[in-house]
PDB file of all heavy atoms in Angstrom:
ATOM      1  N   ALA A   1     -14.851-127.669  -6.272  1.00  0.00           N
ATOM      2  CA  ALA A   1     -15.684-128.334  -7.275  1.00  0.00           C
ATOM      3  C   ALA A   1     -16.510-127.364  -8.110  1.00  0.00           C
ATOM      4  O   ALA A   1     -17.004-127.729  -9.182  1.00  0.00           O
ATOM      5  CB  ALA A   1     -16.605-129.337  -6.592  1.00  0.00           C
ATOM      6  N   SER A   2     -16.655-126.126  -7.650  1.00  0.00           N
ATOM      7  CA  SER A   2     -17.456-125.159  -8.402  1.00  0.00           C
ATOM      8  C   SER A   2     -16.770-124.704  -9.680  1.00  0.00           C
ATOM      9  O   SER A   2     -17.402-124.089 -10.547  1.00  0.00           O
ATOM     10  CB  SER A   2     -17.757-123.944  -7.523  1.00  0.00           C
ATOM     11  OG  SER A   2     -16.547-123.325  -7.105  1.00  0.00           O
ATOM     12  N   ILE A   3     -15.455-124.993  -9.806  1.00  0.00           N
ATOM     13  CA  ILE A   3     -14.716-124.642 -11.017  1.00  0.00           C
ATOM     14  C   ILE A   3     -14.264-125.930 -11.685  1.00  0.00           C
ATOM     15  O   ILE A   3     -13.607-126.772 -11.064  1.00  0.00           O
ATOM     16  CB  ILE A   3     -13.482-123.774 -10.708  1.00  0.00           C
ATOM     17  CG1 ILE A   3     -13.867-122.537  -9.889  1.00  0.00           C
ATOM     18  CG2 ILE A   3     -12.798-123.347 -12.005  1.00  0.00           C
ATOM     19  CD1 ILE A   3     -12.677-121.672  -9.495  1.00  0.00           C
ATOM     20  N   THR A   4     -14.620-126.091 -12.943  1.00  0.00           N
ATOM     21  CA  THR A   4     -14.218-127.295 -13.680  1.00  0.00           C
ATOM     22  C   THR A   4     -13.421-126.896 -14.917  1.00  0.00           C
ATOM     23  O   THR A   4     -13.644-125.845 -15.522  1.00  0.00           O
ATOM     24  CB  THR A   4     -15.440-128.132 -14.097  1.00  0.00           C
ATOM     25  OG1 THR A   4     -16.343-127.317 -14.861  1.00  0.00           O
ATOM     26  CG2 THR A   4     -16.154-128.677 -12.873  1.00  0.00           C
ATOM     27  N   THR A   5     -12.489-127.775 -15.294  1.00  0.00           N
ATOM     28  CA  THR A   5     -11.629-127.531 -16.459  1.00  0.00           C
ATOM     29  C   THR A   5     -11.608-128.796 -17.317  1.00  0.00           C
ATOM     30  O   THR A   5     -10.688-129.606 -17.222  1.00  0.00           O
ATOM     31  CB  THR A   5     -10.200-127.160 -16.004  1.00  0.00           C
ATOM     32  OG1 THR A   5      -9.700-128.184 -15.140  1.00  0.00           O
ATOM     33  CG2 THR A   5     -10.194-125.840 -15.259  1.00  0.00           C
ATOM     34  N   PRO A   6     -12.625-128.978 -18.148  1.00  0.00           N
ATOM     35  CA  PRO A   6     -12.719-130.209 -18.956  1.00  0.00           C
ATOM     36  C   PRO A   6     -11.558-130.396 -19.925  1.00  0.00           C
ATOM     37  O   PRO A   6     -11.257-131.520 -20.320  1.00  0.00           O
ATOM     38  CB  PRO A   6     -14.041-130.046 -19.686  1.00  0.00           C
ATOM     39  CG  PRO A   6     -14.341-128.589 -19.656  1.00  0.00           C
ATOM     40  CD  PRO A   6     -13.767-128.092 -18.374  1.00  0.00           C
ATOM     41  N   ASP A   7     -10.910-129.295 -20.307  1.00  0.00           N
ATOM     42  CA  ASP A   7      -9.693-129.385 -21.127  1.00  0.00           C
ATOM     43  C   ASP A   7      -8.844-128.165 -20.830  1.00  0.00           C
ATOM     44  O   ASP A   7      -9.247-127.270 -20.074  1.00  0.00           O
ATOM     45  CB  ASP A   7     -10.025-129.502 -22.616  1.00  0.00           C
ATOM     46  CG  ASP A   7     -10.860-128.341 -23.142  1.00  0.00           C
ATOM     47  OD1 ASP A   7     -10.390-127.185 -23.035  1.00  0.00           O
ATOM     48  OD2 ASP A   7     -11.981-128.577 -23.639  1.00  0.00           O
ATOM     49  N   ASP A   8      -7.672-128.087 -21.422  1.00  0.00           N
ATOM     50  CA  ASP A   8      -6.730-127.013 -21.094  1.00  0.00           C
ATOM     51  C   ASP A   8      -7.177-125.640 -21.551  1.00  0.00           C
ATOM     52  O   ASP A   8      -6.588-124.632 -21.135  1.00  0.00           O
ATOM     53  CB  ASP A   8      -5.351-127.323 -21.698  1.00  0.00           C
ATOM     54  CG  ASP A   8      -4.583-128.359 -20.894  1.00  0.00           C
ATOM     55  OD1 ASP A   8      -5.016-128.656 -19.762  1.00  0.00           O
ATOM     56  OD2 ASP A   8      -3.548-128.851 -21.395  1.00  0.00           O
ATOM     57  N   ASN A   9      -8.211-125.593 -22.398  1.00  0.00           N
ATOM     58  CA  ASN A   9      -8.655-124.302 -22.930  1.00  0.00           C
ATOM     59  C   ASN A   9     -10.069-123.920 -22.501  1.00  0.00           C
ATOM     60  O   ASN A   9     -10.613-122.930 -22.997  1.00  0.00           O
ATOM     61  CB  ASN A   9      -8.586-124.316 -24.466  1.00  0.00           C
ATOM     62  CG  ASN A   9      -7.154-124.398 -24.968  1.00  0.00           C
ATOM     63  OD1 ASN A   9      -6.284-123.689 -24.475  1.00  0.00           O
ATOM     64  ND2 ASN A   9      -6.906-125.275 -25.927  1.00  0.00           N
ATOM     65  N   THR A  10     -10.650-124.685 -21.574  1.00  0.00           N
ATOM     66  CA  THR A  10     -12.020-124.412 -21.140  1.00  0.00           C
ATOM     67  C   THR A  10     -12.083-124.367 -19.618  1.00  0.00           C
ATOM     68  O   THR A  10     -11.513-125.210 -18.932  1.00  0.00           O
ATOM     69  CB  THR A  10     -12.986-125.506 -21.644  1.00  0.00           C
ATOM     70  OG1 THR A  10     -12.865-125.624 -23.067  1.00  0.00           O
ATOM     71  CG2 THR A  10     -14.423-125.164 -21.291  1.00  0.00           C
ATOM     72  N   ILE A  11     -12.784-123.356 -19.093  1.00  0.00           N
ATOM     73  CA  ILE A  11     -13.001-123.260 -17.656  1.00  0.00           C
ATOM     74  C   ILE A  11     -14.447-122.844 -17.422  1.00  0.00           C
ATOM     75  O   ILE A  11     -14.973-121.948 -18.091  1.00  0.00           O
ATOM     76  CB  ILE A  11     -12.027-122.271 -16.993  1.00  0.00           C
ATOM     77  CG1 ILE A  11     -12.194-122.284 -15.463  1.00  0.00           C
ATOM     78  CG2 ILE A  11     -12.158-120.859 -17.548  1.00  0.00           C
ATOM     79  CD1 ILE A  11     -11.050-121.606 -14.723  1.00  0.00           C
ATOM     80  N   SER A  12     -15.115-123.558 -16.490  1.00  0.00           N
ATOM     81  CA  SER A  12     -16.519-123.297 -16.180  1.00  0.00           C
ATOM     82  C   SER A  12     -16.693-123.063 -14.685  1.00  0.00           C
ATOM     83  O   SER A  12     -15.989-123.663 -13.861  1.00  0.00           O
ATOM     84  CB  SER A  12     -17.405-124.460 -16.626  1.00  0.00           C
ATOM     85  OG  SER A  12     -17.369-124.616 -18.035  1.00  0.00           O
ATOM     86  N   PHE A  13     -17.644-122.206 -14.348  1.00  0.00           N
ATOM     87  CA  PHE A  13     -17.906-121.833 -12.957  1.00  0.00           C
ATOM     88  C   PHE A  13     -19.375-122.070 -12.639  1.00  0.00           C
ATOM     89  O   PHE A  13     -20.247-121.687 -13.423  1.00  0.00           O
ATOM     90  CB  PHE A  13     -17.582-120.357 -12.724  1.00  0.00           C
ATOM     91  CG  PHE A  13     -16.164-119.963 -13.030  1.00  0.00           C
ATOM     92  CD1 PHE A  13     -15.774-119.656 -14.332  1.00  0.00           C
ATOM     93  CD2 PHE A  13     -15.215-119.878 -12.005  1.00  0.00           C
ATOM     94  CE1 PHE A  13     -14.475-119.275 -14.621  1.00  0.00           C
ATOM     95  CE2 PHE A  13     -13.908-119.498 -12.291  1.00  0.00           C
ATOM     96  CZ  PHE A  13     -13.537-119.197 -13.593  1.00  0.00           C
ATOM     97  N   LYS A  14     -19.656-122.676 -11.487  1.00  0.00           N
ATOM     98  CA  LYS A  14     -21.012-122.796 -10.960  1.00  0.00           C
ATOM     99  C   LYS A  14     -21.061-122.007  -9.653  1.00  0.00           C
ATOM    100  O   LYS A  14     -20.371-122.338  -8.690  1.00  0.00           O
ATOM    101  CB  LYS A  14     -21.393-124.259 -10.727  1.00  0.00           C
ATOM    102  CG  LYS A  14     -21.589-125.040 -12.018  1.00  0.00           C
ATOM    103  CD  LYS A  14     -22.150-126.437 -11.752  1.00  0.00           C
ATOM    104  CE  LYS A  14     -22.415-127.169 -13.063  1.00  0.00           C
ATOM    105  NZ  LYS A  14     -23.008-128.524 -12.839  1.00  0.00           N
ATOM    106  N   LEU A  15     -21.872-120.959  -9.651  1.00  0.00           N
ATOM    107  CA  LEU A  15     -21.866-119.996  -8.561  1.00  0.00           C
ATOM    108  C   LEU A  15     -22.961-120.281  -7.537  1.00  0.00           C
ATOM    109  O   LEU A  15     -24.005-120.846  -7.875  1.00  0.00           O
ATOM    110  CB  LEU A  15     -22.029-118.578  -9.125  1.00  0.00           C
ATOM    111  CG  LEU A  15     -21.107-118.216 -10.308  1.00  0.00           C
ATOM    112  CD1 LEU A  15     -21.378-116.784 -10.750  1.00  0.00           C
ATOM    113  CD2 LEU A  15     -19.647-118.406  -9.946  1.00  0.00           C
ATOM    114  N   GLN A  16     -22.730-119.840  -6.319  1.00  0.00           N
ATOM    115  CA  GLN A  16     -23.713-120.020  -5.259  1.00  0.00           C
ATOM    116  C   GLN A  16     -24.903-119.075  -5.415  1.00  0.00           C
ATOM    117  O   GLN A  16     -26.005-119.375  -4.965  1.00  0.00           O
ATOM    118  CB  GLN A  16     -23.057-119.783  -3.891  1.00  0.00           C
ATOM    119  CG  GLN A  16     -21.955-120.767  -3.539  1.00  0.00           C
ATOM    120  CD  GLN A  16     -22.486-122.168  -3.323  1.00  0.00           C
ATOM    121  OE1 GLN A  16     -23.514-122.372  -2.672  1.00  0.00           O
ATOM    122  NE2 GLN A  16     -21.788-123.155  -3.878  1.00  0.00           N
ATOM    123  N   THR A  17     -24.660-117.928  -6.047  1.00  0.00           N
ATOM    124  CA  THR A  17     -25.726-116.948  -6.236  1.00  0.00           C
ATOM    125  C   THR A  17     -25.630-116.355  -7.639  1.00  0.00           C
ATOM    126  O   THR A  17     -24.582-116.396  -8.278  1.00  0.00           O
ATOM    127  CB  THR A  17     -25.633-115.798  -5.206  1.00  0.00           C
ATOM    128  OG1 THR A  17     -24.346-115.176  -5.315  1.00  0.00           O
ATOM    129  CG2 THR A  17     -25.830-116.313  -3.801  1.00  0.00           C
ATOM    130  N   SER A  18     -26.716-115.771  -8.088  1.00  0.00           N
ATOM    131  CA  SER A  18     -26.744-115.100  -9.382  1.00  0.00           C
ATOM    132  C   SER A  18     -25.759-113.926  -9.371  1.00  0.00           C
ATOM    133  O   SER A  18     -25.773-113.104  -8.446  1.00  0.00           O
ATOM    134  CB  SER A  18     -28.156-114.578  -9.666  1.00  0.00           C
ATOM    135  OG  SER A  18     -28.190-113.820 -10.847  1.00  0.00           O
ATOM    136  N   THR A  19     -24.910-113.860 -10.403  1.00  0.00           N
ATOM    137  CA  THR A  19     -23.879-112.818 -10.440  1.00  0.00           C
ATOM    138  C   THR A  19     -23.752-112.270 -11.861  1.00  0.00           C
ATOM    139  O   THR A  19     -22.907-112.708 -12.649  1.00  0.00           O
ATOM    140  CB  THR A  19     -22.524-113.367  -9.959  1.00  0.00           C
ATOM    141  OG1 THR A  19     -22.691-114.008  -8.692  1.00  0.00           O
ATOM    142  CG2 THR A  19     -21.494-112.256  -9.826  1.00  0.00           C
ATOM    143  N   PRO A  20     -24.583-111.292 -12.204  1.00  0.00           N
ATOM    144  CA  PRO A  20     -24.503-110.714 -13.551  1.00  0.00           C
ATOM    145  C   PRO A  20     -23.163-110.030 -13.833  1.00  0.00           C
ATOM    146  O   PRO A  20     -22.793-109.857 -14.993  1.00  0.00           O
ATOM    147  CB  PRO A  20     -25.644-109.691 -13.556  1.00  0.00           C
ATOM    148  CG  PRO A  20     -26.602-110.171 -12.510  1.00  0.00           C
ATOM    149  CD  PRO A  20     -25.734-110.766 -11.448  1.00  0.00           C
ATOM    150  N   ASP A  21     -22.439-109.644 -12.782  1.00  0.00           N
ATOM    151  CA  ASP A  21     -21.177-108.914 -12.952  1.00  0.00           C
ATOM    152  C   ASP A  21     -19.960-109.834 -13.010  1.00  0.00           C
ATOM    153  O   ASP A  21     -18.833-109.368 -12.838  1.00  0.00           O
ATOM    154  CB  ASP A  21     -20.980-107.935 -11.792  1.00  0.00           C
ATOM    155  CG  ASP A  21     -22.049-106.871 -11.724  1.00  0.00           C
ATOM    156  OD1 ASP A  21     -22.603-106.526 -12.784  1.00  0.00           O
ATOM    157  OD2 ASP A  21     -22.341-106.390 -10.616  1.00  0.00           O
ATOM    158  N   PHE A  22     -20.141-111.104 -13.273  1.00  0.00           N
ATOM    159  CA  PHE A  22     -19.040-112.056 -13.156  1.00  0.00           C
ATOM    160  C   PHE A  22     -17.890-111.750 -14.124  1.00  0.00           C
ATOM    161  O   PHE A  22     -16.722-111.983 -13.791  1.00  0.00           O
ATOM    162  CB  PHE A  22     -19.539-113.488 -13.366  1.00  0.00           C
ATOM    163  CG  PHE A  22     -18.549-114.535 -12.928  1.00  0.00           C
ATOM    164  CD1 PHE A  22     -18.278-114.725 -11.586  1.00  0.00           C
ATOM    165  CD2 PHE A  22     -17.894-115.321 -13.868  1.00  0.00           C
ATOM    166  CE1 PHE A  22     -17.364-115.693 -11.173  1.00  0.00           C
ATOM    167  CE2 PHE A  22     -16.977-116.284 -13.470  1.00  0.00           C
ATOM    168  CZ  PHE A  22     -16.711-116.472 -12.116  1.00  0.00           C
ATOM    169  N   ASP A  23     -18.180-111.228 -15.302  1.00  0.00           N
ATOM    170  CA  ASP A  23     -17.104-110.851 -16.226  1.00  0.00           C
ATOM    171  C   ASP A  23     -16.163-109.842 -15.569  1.00  0.00           C
ATOM    172  O   ASP A  23     -14.940-109.902 -15.759  1.00  0.00           O
ATOM    173  CB  ASP A  23     -17.670-110.253 -17.516  1.00  0.00           C
ATOM    174  CG  ASP A  23     -17.946-111.304 -18.592  1.00  0.00           C
ATOM    175  OD1 ASP A  23     -17.241-112.322 -18.620  1.00  0.00           O
ATOM    176  OD2 ASP A  23     -18.874-111.091 -19.385  1.00  0.00           O
ATOM    177  N   PHE A  24     -16.726-108.918 -14.826  1.00  0.00           N
ATOM    178  CA  PHE A  24     -15.900-107.930 -14.146  1.00  0.00           C
ATOM    179  C   PHE A  24     -15.011-108.592 -13.089  1.00  0.00           C
ATOM    180  O   PHE A  24     -13.850-108.221 -12.914  1.00  0.00           O
ATOM    181  CB  PHE A  24     -16.761-106.851 -13.494  1.00  0.00           C
ATOM    182  CG  PHE A  24     -17.389-105.910 -14.475  1.00  0.00           C
ATOM    183  CD1 PHE A  24     -18.756-105.940 -14.715  1.00  0.00           C
ATOM    184  CD2 PHE A  24     -16.622-104.991 -15.165  1.00  0.00           C
ATOM    185  CE1 PHE A  24     -19.339-105.075 -15.617  1.00  0.00           C
ATOM    186  CE2 PHE A  24     -17.193-104.118 -16.075  1.00  0.00           C
ATOM    187  CZ  PHE A  24     -18.559-104.157 -16.301  1.00  0.00           C
ATOM    188  N   LEU A  25     -15.569-109.565 -12.383  1.00  0.00           N
ATOM    189  CA  LEU A  25     -14.781-110.283 -11.384  1.00  0.00           C
ATOM    190  C   LEU A  25     -13.594-110.978 -12.025  1.00  0.00           C
ATOM    191  O   LEU A  25     -12.498-111.037 -11.461  1.00  0.00           O
ATOM    192  CB  LEU A  25     -15.667-111.299 -10.659  1.00  0.00           C
ATOM    193  CG  LEU A  25     -15.046-112.036  -9.465  1.00  0.00           C
ATOM    194  CD1 LEU A  25     -14.632-111.056  -8.378  1.00  0.00           C
ATOM    195  CD2 LEU A  25     -16.025-113.057  -8.905  1.00  0.00           C
ATOM    196  N   MET A  26     -13.789-111.479 -13.234  1.00  0.00           N
ATOM    197  CA  MET A  26     -12.703-112.163 -13.927  1.00  0.00           C
ATOM    198  C   MET A  26     -11.652-111.194 -14.479  1.00  0.00           C
ATOM    199  O   MET A  26     -10.628-111.631 -14.998  1.00  0.00           O
ATOM    200  CB  MET A  26     -13.268-113.015 -15.072  1.00  0.00           C
ATOM    201  CG  MET A  26     -14.086-114.213 -14.588  1.00  0.00           C
ATOM    202  SD  MET A  26     -13.114-115.413 -13.594  1.00  0.00           S
ATOM    203  CE  MET A  26     -13.576-114.904 -11.907  1.00  0.00           C
ATOM    204  N   SER A  27     -11.877-109.903 -14.348  1.00  0.00           N
ATOM    205  CA  SER A  27     -10.874-108.919 -14.760  1.00  0.00           C
ATOM    206  C   SER A  27      -9.932-108.549 -13.613  1.00  0.00           C
ATOM    207  O   SER A  27      -8.894-107.913 -13.842  1.00  0.00           O
ATOM    208  CB  SER A  27     -11.553-107.645 -15.276  1.00  0.00           C
ATOM    209  OG  SER A  27     -12.107-106.885 -14.210  1.00  0.00           O
ATOM    210  N   LEU A  28     -10.274-108.921 -12.380  1.00  0.00           N
ATOM    211  CA  LEU A  28      -9.433-108.568 -11.235  1.00  0.00           C
ATOM    212  C   LEU A  28      -8.140-109.384 -11.251  1.00  0.00           C
ATOM    213  O   LEU A  28      -8.133-110.550 -11.650  1.00  0.00           O
ATOM    214  CB  LEU A  28     -10.172-108.810  -9.915  1.00  0.00           C
ATOM    215  CG  LEU A  28     -11.521-108.116  -9.720  1.00  0.00           C
ATOM    216  CD1 LEU A  28     -11.998-108.320  -8.282  1.00  0.00           C
ATOM    217  CD2 LEU A  28     -11.451-106.645 -10.061  1.00  0.00           C
ATOM    218  N   PRO A  29      -7.028-108.818 -10.787  1.00  0.00           N
ATOM    219  CA  PRO A  29      -5.783-109.578 -10.731  1.00  0.00           C
ATOM    220  C   PRO A  29      -5.902-110.893  -9.966  1.00  0.00           C
ATOM    221  O   PRO A  29      -5.227-111.870 -10.305  1.00  0.00           O
ATOM    222  CB  PRO A  29      -4.817-108.618 -10.031  1.00  0.00           C
ATOM    223  CG  PRO A  29      -5.327-107.269 -10.380  1.00  0.00           C
ATOM    224  CD  PRO A  29      -6.827-107.407 -10.391  1.00  0.00           C
ATOM    225  N   ALA A  30      -6.761-110.933  -8.957  1.00  0.00           N
ATOM    226  CA  ALA A  30      -6.928-112.156  -8.170  1.00  0.00           C
ATOM    227  C   ALA A  30      -7.483-113.304  -8.994  1.00  0.00           C
ATOM    228  O   ALA A  30      -7.418-114.470  -8.572  1.00  0.00           O
ATOM    229  CB  ALA A  30      -7.833-111.897  -6.962  1.00  0.00           C
ATOM    230  N   SER A  31      -8.032-113.014 -10.173  1.00  0.00           N
ATOM    231  CA  SER A  31      -8.541-114.058 -11.065  1.00  0.00           C
ATOM    232  C   SER A  31      -7.491-114.528 -12.062  1.00  0.00           C
ATOM    233  O   SER A  31      -7.797-115.295 -12.975  1.00  0.00           O
ATOM    234  CB  SER A  31      -9.769-113.541 -11.823  1.00  0.00           C
ATOM    235  OG  SER A  31     -10.828-113.228 -10.945  1.00  0.00           O
ATOM    236  N   ALA A  32      -6.261-114.067 -11.903  1.00  0.00           N
ATOM    237  CA  ALA A  32      -5.205-114.404 -12.859  1.00  0.00           C
ATOM    238  C   ALA A  32      -4.690-115.826 -12.648  1.00  0.00           C
ATOM    239  O   ALA A  32      -4.714-116.350 -11.536  1.00  0.00           O
ATOM    240  CB  ALA A  32      -4.044-113.423 -12.717  1.00  0.00           C
ATOM    241  N   PRO A  33      -4.192-116.468 -13.705  1.00  0.00           N
ATOM    242  CA  PRO A  33      -3.608-117.805 -13.566  1.00  0.00           C
ATOM    243  C   PRO A  33      -2.278-117.758 -12.817  1.00  0.00           C
ATOM    244  O   PRO A  33      -1.566-116.753 -12.837  1.00  0.00           O
ATOM    245  CB  PRO A  33      -3.400-118.251 -15.020  1.00  0.00           C
ATOM    246  CG  PRO A  33      -3.245-116.980 -15.785  1.00  0.00           C
ATOM    247  CD  PRO A  33      -4.148-115.995 -15.110  1.00  0.00           C
ATOM    248  N   VAL A  34      -1.979-118.863 -12.156  1.00  0.00           N
ATOM    249  CA  VAL A  34      -0.687-119.076 -11.497  1.00  0.00           C
ATOM    250  C   VAL A  34      -0.279-120.516 -11.793  1.00  0.00           C
ATOM    251  O   VAL A  34      -1.105-121.427 -11.673  1.00  0.00           O
ATOM    252  CB  VAL A  34      -0.775-118.848  -9.969  1.00  0.00           C
ATOM    253  CG1 VAL A  34       0.530-119.241  -9.286  1.00  0.00           C
ATOM    254  CG2 VAL A  34      -1.114-117.388  -9.667  1.00  0.00           C
ATOM    255  N   PRO A  35       0.969-120.761 -12.203  1.00  0.00           N
ATOM    256  CA  PRO A  35       1.397-122.139 -12.451  1.00  0.00           C
ATOM    257  C   PRO A  35       1.193-123.019 -11.219  1.00  0.00           C
ATOM    258  O   PRO A  35       1.371-122.559 -10.084  1.00  0.00           O
ATOM    259  CB  PRO A  35       2.886-121.999 -12.777  1.00  0.00           C
ATOM    260  CG  PRO A  35       3.017-120.608 -13.292  1.00  0.00           C
ATOM    261  CD  PRO A  35       2.038-119.791 -12.494  1.00  0.00           C
ATOM    262  N   LEU A  36       0.818-124.272 -11.427  1.00  0.00           N
ATOM    263  CA  LEU A  36       0.538-125.154 -10.299  1.00  0.00           C
ATOM    264  C   LEU A  36       1.745-125.351  -9.396  1.00  0.00           C
ATOM    265  O   LEU A  36       1.595-125.611  -8.206  1.00  0.00           O
ATOM    266  CB  LEU A  36       0.024-126.511 -10.800  1.00  0.00           C
ATOM    267  CG  LEU A  36      -1.482-126.601 -11.087  1.00  0.00           C
ATOM    268  CD1 LEU A  36      -1.924-125.617 -12.163  1.00  0.00           C
ATOM    269  CD2 LEU A  36      -1.877-128.014 -11.491  1.00  0.00           C
ATOM    270  N   THR A  37       2.937-125.214  -9.963  1.00  0.00           N
ATOM    271  CA  THR A  37       4.159-125.306  -9.156  1.00  0.00           C
ATOM    272  C   THR A  37       4.611-123.922  -8.696  1.00  0.00           C
ATOM    273  O   THR A  37       5.682-123.801  -8.075  1.00  0.00           O
ATOM    274  CB  THR A  37       5.286-125.965  -9.964  1.00  0.00           C
ATOM    275  OG1 THR A  37       5.495-125.227 -11.177  1.00  0.00           O
ATOM    276  CG2 THR A  37       4.935-127.408 -10.299  1.00  0.00           C
ATOM    277  N   GLU A  38       3.825-122.892  -9.011  1.00  0.00           N
ATOM    278  CA  GLU A  38       4.138-121.492  -8.708  1.00  0.00           C
ATOM    279  C   GLU A  38       5.514-121.152  -9.276  1.00  0.00           C
ATOM    280  O   GLU A  38       5.748-121.340 -10.462  1.00  0.00           O
ATOM    281  CB  GLU A  38       3.973-121.235  -7.213  1.00  0.00           C
ATOM    282  CG  GLU A  38       2.540-121.547  -6.780  1.00  0.00           C
ATOM    283  CD  GLU A  38       2.161-121.086  -5.403  1.00  0.00           C
ATOM    284  OE1 GLU A  38       2.774-120.146  -4.874  1.00  0.00           O
ATOM    285  OE2 GLU A  38       1.211-121.680  -4.837  1.00  0.00           O
ATOM    286  N   ASN A  39       6.449-120.714  -8.459  1.00  0.00           N
ATOM    287  CA  ASN A  39       7.771-120.372  -8.992  1.00  0.00           C
ATOM    288  C   ASN A  39       8.855-120.972  -8.121  1.00  0.00           C
ATOM    289  O   ASN A  39       9.711-120.274  -7.564  1.00  0.00           O
ATOM    290  CB  ASN A  39       7.939-118.847  -9.096  1.00  0.00           C
ATOM    291  CG  ASN A  39       9.166-118.446  -9.902  1.00  0.00           C
ATOM    292  OD1 ASN A  39       9.813-119.293 -10.520  1.00  0.00           O
ATOM    293  ND2 ASN A  39       9.485-117.170  -9.896  1.00  0.00           N
ATOM    294  N   GLY A  40       8.807-122.281  -7.979  1.00  0.00           N
ATOM    295  CA  GLY A  40       9.834-122.992  -7.213  1.00  0.00           C
ATOM    296  C   GLY A  40       9.859-122.549  -5.767  1.00  0.00           C
ATOM    297  O   GLY A  40       8.859-122.626  -5.058  1.00  0.00           O
ATOM    298  N   ALA A  41      11.012-122.053  -5.323  1.00  0.00           N
ATOM    299  CA  ALA A  41      11.158-121.604  -3.938  1.00  0.00           C
ATOM    300  C   ALA A  41      10.299-120.382  -3.654  1.00  0.00           C
ATOM    301  O   ALA A  41       9.918-120.134  -2.508  1.00  0.00           O
ATOM    302  CB  ALA A  41      12.625-121.295  -3.647  1.00  0.00           C
ATOM    303  N   ASN A  42       9.982-119.614  -4.690  1.00  0.00           N
ATOM    304  CA  ASN A  42       9.122-118.447  -4.529  1.00  0.00           C
ATOM    305  C   ASN A  42       7.664-118.866  -4.698  1.00  0.00           C
ATOM    306  O   ASN A  42       7.010-118.566  -5.703  1.00  0.00           O
ATOM    307  CB  ASN A  42       9.490-117.362  -5.546  1.00  0.00           C
ATOM    308  CG  ASN A  42      10.835-116.747  -5.260  1.00  0.00           C
ATOM    309  OD1 ASN A  42      11.182-116.514  -4.106  1.00  0.00           O
ATOM    310  ND2 ASN A  42      11.612-116.495  -6.299  1.00  0.00           N
ATOM    311  N   ALA A  43       7.177-119.578  -3.705  1.00  0.00           N
ATOM    312  CA  ALA A  43       5.800-120.085  -3.728  1.00  0.00           C
ATOM    313  C   ALA A  43       5.067-119.581  -2.485  1.00  0.00           C
ATOM    314  O   ALA A  43       5.669-119.068  -1.544  1.00  0.00           O
ATOM    315  CB  ALA A  43       5.791-121.607  -3.775  1.00  0.00           C
TER     316      ALA A  43
END
C-alpha cells in the first residue's frame, strides 16, 4: 500500500522514514519495472 499508481504514468511512494536519498534508490536496478506477467515460463 505504500506505493500507489493512480494512472499508468504516475507512481507515488509513502515511506516509513525520511529519506532524502530516495532518487538514488530509484536508480538501482532493483527499482526497475518488470511486466506483471514477467516473461511467461521465465518467471
